């Protein structure tokens, strides 16, 4: 959910889609990207940007608060990520914290 409470973000893992809904359930946007396969977890940053895990694409994407466009690929398999299933952002440390499926460790990535 957005920090203002006006939007709800829902993933559809098998359809590789991120849905953005209004509080009343109205569909506002559907986001897909070739770099995002089998979406798992969504995290909304304090700035309202949406972080999404692509478990089978081994990526974390940053999407705008409207859920319409990709802002950046923050983490990918080139960074050593395999099957990310959870993500959060620490504004204190300016870091993305990623949990991986089948791994007892987390990965931490500094972002600007």
C-alpha atoms as a PDB file:
ATOM      1  CA  UNK A   1       0.000   0.000   0.000  1.00  0.00           C
ATOM      2  CA  UNK A   2       1.189   3.527  -0.691  1.00  0.00           C
ATOM      3  CA  UNK A   3       2.162   5.645   2.305  1.00  0.00           C
ATOM      4  CA  UNK A   4      -0.807   7.923   1.657  1.00  0.00           C
ATOM      5  CA  UNK A   5      -3.133   4.927   1.619  1.00  0.00           C
ATOM      6  CA  UNK A   6      -4.651   5.780  -1.749  1.00  0.00           C
ATOM      7  CA  UNK A   7      -3.044   2.973  -3.783  1.00  0.00           C
ATOM      8  CA  UNK A   8      -2.650  -0.756  -3.348  1.00  0.00           C
ATOM      9  CA  UNK A   9       0.045  -2.681  -5.223  1.00  0.00           C
ATOM     10  CA  UNK A  10      -0.609  -6.339  -6.002  1.00  0.00           C
ATOM     11  CA  UNK A  11       1.673  -8.798  -7.772  1.00  0.00           C
ATOM     12  CA  UNK A  12       0.549 -11.586 -10.054  1.00  0.00           C
ATOM     13  CA  UNK A  13       3.569 -13.908 -10.065  1.00  0.00           C
ATOM     14  CA  UNK A  14       2.535 -16.288 -12.837  1.00  0.00           C
ATOM     15  CA  UNK A  15       1.312 -13.437 -15.075  1.00  0.00           C
ATOM     16  CA  UNK A  16       4.455 -11.340 -14.422  1.00  0.00           C
ATOM     17  CA  UNK A  17       2.382  -8.249 -13.637  1.00  0.00           C
ATOM     18  CA  UNK A  18       2.131  -5.523 -11.018  1.00  0.00           C
ATOM     19  CA  UNK A  19      -1.378  -4.148 -10.551  1.00  0.00           C
ATOM     20  CA  UNK A  20      -2.040  -0.751  -9.000  1.00  0.00           C
ATOM     21  CA  UNK A  21      -5.510  -0.330  -7.520  1.00  0.00           C
ATOM     22  CA  UNK A  22      -7.319   2.611  -5.954  1.00  0.00           C
ATOM     23  CA  UNK A  23      -8.745   2.184  -2.462  1.00  0.00           C
ATOM     24  CA  UNK A  24     -12.153   1.458  -3.964  1.00  0.00           C
ATOM     25  CA  UNK A  25     -10.689  -1.371  -6.069  1.00  0.00           C
ATOM     26  CA  UNK A  26     -10.554   0.529  -9.358  1.00  0.00           C
ATOM     27  CA  UNK A  27      -7.692  -0.656 -11.560  1.00  0.00           C
ATOM     28  CA  UNK A  28      -5.296   2.262 -12.094  1.00  0.00           C
ATOM     29  CA  UNK A  29      -2.378   0.591 -13.865  1.00  0.00           C
ATOM     30  CA  UNK A  30      -0.898  -2.707 -14.994  1.00  0.00           C
ATOM     31  CA  UNK A  31       2.897  -2.872 -15.209  1.00  0.00           C
ATOM     32  CA  UNK A  32       4.976  -5.474 -17.022  1.00  0.00           C
ATOM     33  CA  UNK A  33       8.622  -5.471 -18.026  1.00  0.00           C
ATOM     34  CA  UNK A  34      10.826  -8.080 -19.720  1.00  0.00           C
ATOM     35  CA  UNK A  35      13.241  -7.759 -16.770  1.00  0.00           C
ATOM     36  CA  UNK A  36      10.564  -8.759 -14.274  1.00  0.00           C
ATOM     37  CA  UNK A  37       9.518 -12.405 -14.157  1.00  0.00           C
ATOM     38  CA  UNK A  38       7.489 -14.063 -11.408  1.00  0.00           C
ATOM     39  CA  UNK A  39       6.945 -10.995  -9.237  1.00  0.00           C
ATOM     40  CA  UNK A  40       7.073 -11.701  -5.528  1.00  0.00           C
ATOM     41  CA  UNK A  41       7.339  -8.915  -2.991  1.00  0.00           C
ATOM     42  CA  UNK A  42       6.513  -5.214  -3.241  1.00  0.00           C
ATOM     43  CA  UNK A  43       7.927  -2.518  -0.975  1.00  0.00           C
ATOM     44  CA  UNK A  44       7.017   1.174  -1.069  1.00  0.00           C
ATOM     45  CA  UNK A  45       9.831   3.556  -0.116  1.00  0.00           C
ATOM     46  CA  UNK A  46       9.205   6.664   1.997  1.00  0.00           C
ATOM     47  CA  UNK A  47       9.500   8.657  -1.269  1.00  0.00           C
ATOM     48  CA  UNK A  48       6.652   6.614  -2.753  1.00  0.00           C
ATOM     49  CA  UNK A  49       8.724   4.623  -5.203  1.00  0.00           C
ATOM     50  CA  UNK A  50       7.810   0.984  -5.587  1.00  0.00           C
ATOM     51  CA  UNK A  51      10.412  -1.796  -5.358  1.00  0.00           C
ATOM     52  CA  UNK A  52       9.447  -5.127  -6.908  1.00  0.00           C
ATOM     53  CA  UNK A  53      11.205  -8.516  -6.792  1.00  0.00           C
ATOM     54  CA  UNK A  54      11.384 -10.577  -9.948  1.00  0.00           C
ATOM     55  CA  UNK A  55      12.202 -14.010  -8.571  1.00  0.00           C
ATOM     56  CA  UNK A  56      12.758 -15.821 -11.874  1.00  0.00           C
ATOM     57  CA  UNK A  57      14.404 -12.825 -13.567  1.00  0.00           C
ATOM     58  CA  UNK A  58      16.725 -12.369 -10.551  1.00  0.00           C
ATOM     59  CA  UNK A  59      16.024  -8.622 -10.445  1.00  0.00           C
ATOM     60  CA  UNK A  60      14.775  -5.818  -8.246  1.00  0.00           C
ATOM     61  CA  UNK A  61      13.086  -3.032 -10.198  1.00  0.00           C
ATOM     62  CA  UNK A  62      12.109   0.443  -9.087  1.00  0.00           C
ATOM     63  CA  UNK A  63       8.727   1.546 -10.449  1.00  0.00           C
ATOM     64  CA  UNK A  64       7.103   4.971 -10.179  1.00  0.00           C
ATOM     65  CA  UNK A  65       4.366   5.517  -7.580  1.00  0.00           C
ATOM     66  CA  UNK A  66       1.682   5.366 -10.281  1.00  0.00           C
ATOM     67  CA  UNK A  67       2.776   1.823 -11.140  1.00  0.00           C
ATOM     68  CA  UNK A  68       3.148   2.737 -14.796  1.00  0.00           C
ATOM     69  CA  UNK A  69       6.844   2.910 -15.631  1.00  0.00           C
ATOM     70  CA  UNK A  70      10.197   1.503 -14.632  1.00  0.00           C
ATOM     71  CA  UNK A  71      12.572   4.002 -13.084  1.00  0.00           C
ATOM     72  CA  UNK A  72      15.557   1.674 -12.739  1.00  0.00           C
ATOM     73  CA  UNK A  73      16.842  -1.858 -12.465  1.00  0.00           C
ATOM     74  CA  UNK A  74      18.403  -1.657  -9.014  1.00  0.00           C
ATOM     75  CA  UNK A  75      19.740  -5.182  -8.625  1.00  0.00           C
ATOM     76  CA  UNK A  76      20.254  -8.037 -11.078  1.00  0.00           C
ATOM     77  CA  UNK A  77      21.937 -11.415 -11.410  1.00  0.00           C
ATOM     78  CA  UNK A  78      25.158  -9.518 -12.228  1.00  0.00           C
ATOM     79  CA  UNK A  79      25.106  -8.383  -8.592  1.00  0.00           C
ATOM     80  CA  UNK A  80      24.969 -11.983  -7.383  1.00  0.00           C
ATOM     81  CA  UNK A  81      21.235 -12.071  -6.721  1.00  0.00           C
ATOM     82  CA  UNK A  82      19.452 -15.357  -7.289  1.00  0.00           C
ATOM     83  CA  UNK A  83      15.697 -15.745  -6.758  1.00  0.00           C
ATOM     84  CA  UNK A  84      14.928 -12.595  -4.726  1.00  0.00           C
ATOM     85  CA  UNK A  85      11.675 -13.022  -2.834  1.00  0.00           C
ATOM     86  CA  UNK A  86      11.644 -10.071  -0.429  1.00  0.00           C
ATOM     87  CA  UNK A  87      12.923  -6.516  -0.504  1.00  0.00           C
ATOM     88  CA  UNK A  88      12.906  -3.466   1.722  1.00  0.00           C
ATOM     89  CA  UNK A  89      14.692  -0.130   1.796  1.00  0.00           C
ATOM     90  CA  UNK A  90      16.451   1.492   4.740  1.00  0.00           C
ATOM     91  CA  UNK A  91      16.458   5.274   4.507  1.00  0.00           C
ATOM     92  CA  UNK A  92      18.868   5.340   7.457  1.00  0.00           C
ATOM     93  CA  UNK A  93      21.574   3.468   5.559  1.00  0.00           C
ATOM     94  CA  UNK A  94      20.388   4.174   1.972  1.00  0.00           C
ATOM     95  CA  UNK A  95      20.416   0.447   1.324  1.00  0.00           C
ATOM     96  CA  UNK A  96      18.174  -2.118  -0.290  1.00  0.00           C
ATOM     97  CA  UNK A  97      17.906  -5.313   1.737  1.00  0.00           C
ATOM     98  CA  UNK A  98      17.070  -8.432  -0.277  1.00  0.00           C
ATOM     99  CA  UNK A  99      15.987 -11.861   0.912  1.00  0.00           C
ATOM    100  CA  UNK A 100      16.597 -14.817  -1.395  1.00  0.00           C
ATOM    101  CA  UNK A 101      14.497 -17.954  -1.784  1.00  0.00           C
ATOM    102  CA  UNK A 102      16.221 -20.988  -0.285  1.00  0.00           C
ATOM    103  CA  UNK A 103      18.999 -18.916   1.292  1.00  0.00           C
ATOM    104  CA  UNK A 104      19.400 -18.124   4.984  1.00  0.00           C
ATOM    105  CA  UNK A 105      21.371 -14.969   4.190  1.00  0.00           C
ATOM    106  CA  UNK A 106      20.310 -11.516   3.062  1.00  0.00           C
ATOM    107  CA  UNK A 107      22.049  -9.226   0.599  1.00  0.00           C
ATOM    108  CA  UNK A 108      22.504  -5.502   1.175  1.00  0.00           C
ATOM    109  CA  UNK A 109      23.027  -3.012  -1.649  1.00  0.00           C
ATOM    110  CA  UNK A 110      23.817   0.661  -1.163  1.00  0.00           C
ATOM    111  CA  UNK A 111      21.847   2.981  -3.438  1.00  0.00           C
ATOM    112  CA  UNK A 112      21.950   6.701  -4.055  1.00  0.00           C
END
